[in-house]
C-alpha atoms as a PDB file:
ATOM      1  CA  MET A   1       7.338 -10.458  30.698  1.00  0.00           C
ATOM      2  CA  LEU A   2      10.370 -10.438  28.062  1.00  0.00           C
ATOM      3  CA  HIS A   3      11.933  -6.653  28.476  1.00  0.00           C
ATOM      4  CA  TYR A   4      14.239  -5.875  24.551  1.00  0.00           C
ATOM      5  CA  PRO A   5      17.603  -2.853  25.773  1.00  0.00           C
ATOM      6  CA  ILE A   6      15.528  -1.303  22.765  1.00  0.00           C
ATOM      7  CA  GLU A   7      12.381  -0.902  24.453  1.00  0.00           C
ATOM      8  CA  GLU A   8      12.214   3.125  24.906  1.00  0.00           C
ATOM      9  CA  TRP A   9      13.637   3.307  20.719  1.00  0.00           C
ATOM     10  CA  THR A  10      10.633   1.855  19.527  1.00  0.00           C
ATOM     11  CA  GLY A  11       8.857   5.166  18.336  1.00  0.00           C
ATOM     12  CA  SER A  12      12.027   6.098  15.801  1.00  0.00           C
ATOM     13  CA  ILE A  13      12.593   2.560  14.877  1.00  0.00           C
ATOM     14  CA  THR A  14       9.175   2.911  13.696  1.00  0.00           C
ATOM     15  CA  ALA A  15       9.013   6.150  11.909  1.00  0.00           C
ATOM     16  CA  PHE A  16      12.322   4.869  10.111  1.00  0.00           C
ATOM     17  CA  GLU A  17      10.764   1.815   8.787  1.00  0.00           C
ATOM     18  CA  CYS A  18       8.091   3.815   7.396  1.00  0.00           C
ATOM     19  CA  LEU A  19      10.224   6.516   5.439  1.00  0.00           C
ATOM     20  CA  LEU A  20      12.020   2.997   4.203  1.00  0.00           C
ATOM     21  CA  VAL A  21       8.625   1.690   2.914  1.00  0.00           C
ATOM     22  CA  THR A  22       7.570   5.247   1.817  1.00  0.00           C
ATOM     23  CA  ILE A  23      10.599   5.517  -0.175  1.00  0.00           C
ATOM     24  CA  GLY A  24      10.801   2.055  -1.817  1.00  0.00           C
ATOM     25  CA  ASN A  25       6.879   2.294  -2.312  1.00  0.00           C
ATOM     26  CA  ASN A  26       7.494   5.739  -4.183  1.00  0.00           C
ATOM     27  CA  LEU A  27      10.432   4.043  -6.463  1.00  0.00           C
ATOM     28  CA  SER A  28       8.369   1.195  -7.753  1.00  0.00           C
ATOM     29  CA  SER A  29       5.460   3.145  -8.879  1.00  0.00           C
ATOM     30  CA  PHE A  30       8.058   5.715 -10.565  1.00  0.00           C
ATOM     31  CA  GLY A  31       9.556   3.063 -12.291  1.00  0.00           C
ATOM     32  CA  THR A  32       6.461   1.173 -13.297  1.00  0.00           C
ATOM     33  CA  HIS A  33       4.470   3.812 -14.622  1.00  0.00           C
ATOM     34  CA  THR A  34       7.348   5.529 -16.682  1.00  0.00           C
ATOM     35  CA  HIS A  35       7.496   1.959 -17.946  1.00  0.00           C
ATOM     36  CA  ARG A  36       3.581   1.383 -18.415  1.00  0.00           C
ATOM     37  CA  SER A  37       3.177   4.761 -20.406  1.00  0.00           C
ATOM     38  CA  GLU A  38       5.671   3.708 -22.934  1.00  0.00           C
ATOM     39  CA  LEU A  39       3.856   0.501 -23.408  1.00  0.00           C
ATOM     40  CA  PHE A  40       0.374   0.508 -23.684  1.00  0.00           C
ATOM     41  CA  PRO A  41      -1.904   3.099 -26.078  1.00  0.00           C
ATOM     42  CA  THR A  42      -2.981   5.813 -24.184  1.00  0.00           C
ATOM     43  CA  ALA A  43      -6.939   5.034 -24.496  1.00  0.00           C
ATOM     44  CA  LEU A  44      -6.425   1.572 -23.339  1.00  0.00           C
ATOM     45  CA  ARG A  45      -3.804   2.488 -20.342  1.00  0.00           C
ATOM     46  CA  ALA A  46      -6.827   5.022 -19.231  1.00  0.00           C
ATOM     47  CA  ARG A  47      -9.627   2.255 -19.300  1.00  0.00           C
ATOM     48  CA  ALA A  48      -7.295  -0.148 -16.737  1.00  0.00           C
ATOM     49  CA  ILE A  49      -6.272   2.238 -14.939  1.00  0.00           C
ATOM     50  CA  GLY A  50      -9.643   3.822 -14.537  1.00  0.00           C
ATOM     51  CA  VAL A  51     -10.780   0.406 -13.894  1.00  0.00           C
ATOM     52  CA  ILE A  52      -8.120  -0.612 -11.101  1.00  0.00           C
ATOM     53  CA  TYR A  53      -9.185   2.687  -9.421  1.00  0.00           C
ATOM     54  CA  SER A  54     -12.642   1.840  -8.913  1.00  0.00           C
ATOM     55  CA  ILE A  55     -11.967  -1.736  -7.841  1.00  0.00           C
ATOM     56  CA  ASP A  56      -9.339  -0.286  -5.375  1.00  0.00           C
ATOM     57  CA  ARG A  57     -12.013   2.152  -3.905  1.00  0.00           C
ATOM     58  CA  LEU A  58     -14.607  -0.864  -3.696  1.00  0.00           C
ATOM     59  CA  THR A  59     -11.897  -2.826  -2.300  1.00  0.00           C
ATOM     60  CA  ALA A  60     -11.194   0.015   0.402  1.00  0.00           C
ATOM     61  CA  ALA A  61     -14.891   0.628   1.321  1.00  0.00           C
ATOM     62  CA  PHE A  62     -15.122  -3.241   2.367  1.00  0.00           C
ATOM     63  CA  ASN A  63     -12.141  -3.578   3.742  1.00  0.00           C
ATOM     64  CA  GLY A  64     -13.673  -2.722   7.331  1.00  0.00           C
ATOM     65  CA  TYR A  65     -16.597  -4.732   7.136  1.00  0.00           C
ATOM     66  CA  LEU A  66     -14.017  -7.894   6.496  1.00  0.00           C
ATOM     67  CA  ILE A  67     -11.703  -7.121   9.464  1.00  0.00           C
ATOM     68  CA  GLY A  68     -14.540  -6.512  11.454  1.00  0.00           C
ATOM     69  CA  PHE A  69     -16.167  -9.821  10.063  1.00  0.00           C
ATOM     70  CA  ILE A  70     -12.247 -11.629  10.671  1.00  0.00           C
ATOM     71  CA  MET A  71     -11.756 -10.225  14.221  1.00  0.00           C
ATOM     72  CA  VAL A  72     -15.242 -11.573  15.354  1.00  0.00           C
ATOM     73  CA  ARG A  73     -14.685 -14.656  14.133  1.00  0.00           C
ATOM     74  CA  VAL A  74     -10.997 -14.634  16.088  1.00  0.00           C
END
């Protein structure tokens, strides 16, 4: 078995990576939402966001089944 010299630091490295990903996602979201609010009228934007959120919830509901189906095959 291969042992890495930083093996005992994996928890802090993972926490740091999660922090970087969170900061990146927040910055991306802030830029996208600001631009979108200036680009489309309110009624169209509200309908589109509602549809996307609904699709997101449906896919989140079925992800557990999909992962289970894939794991049975592997």
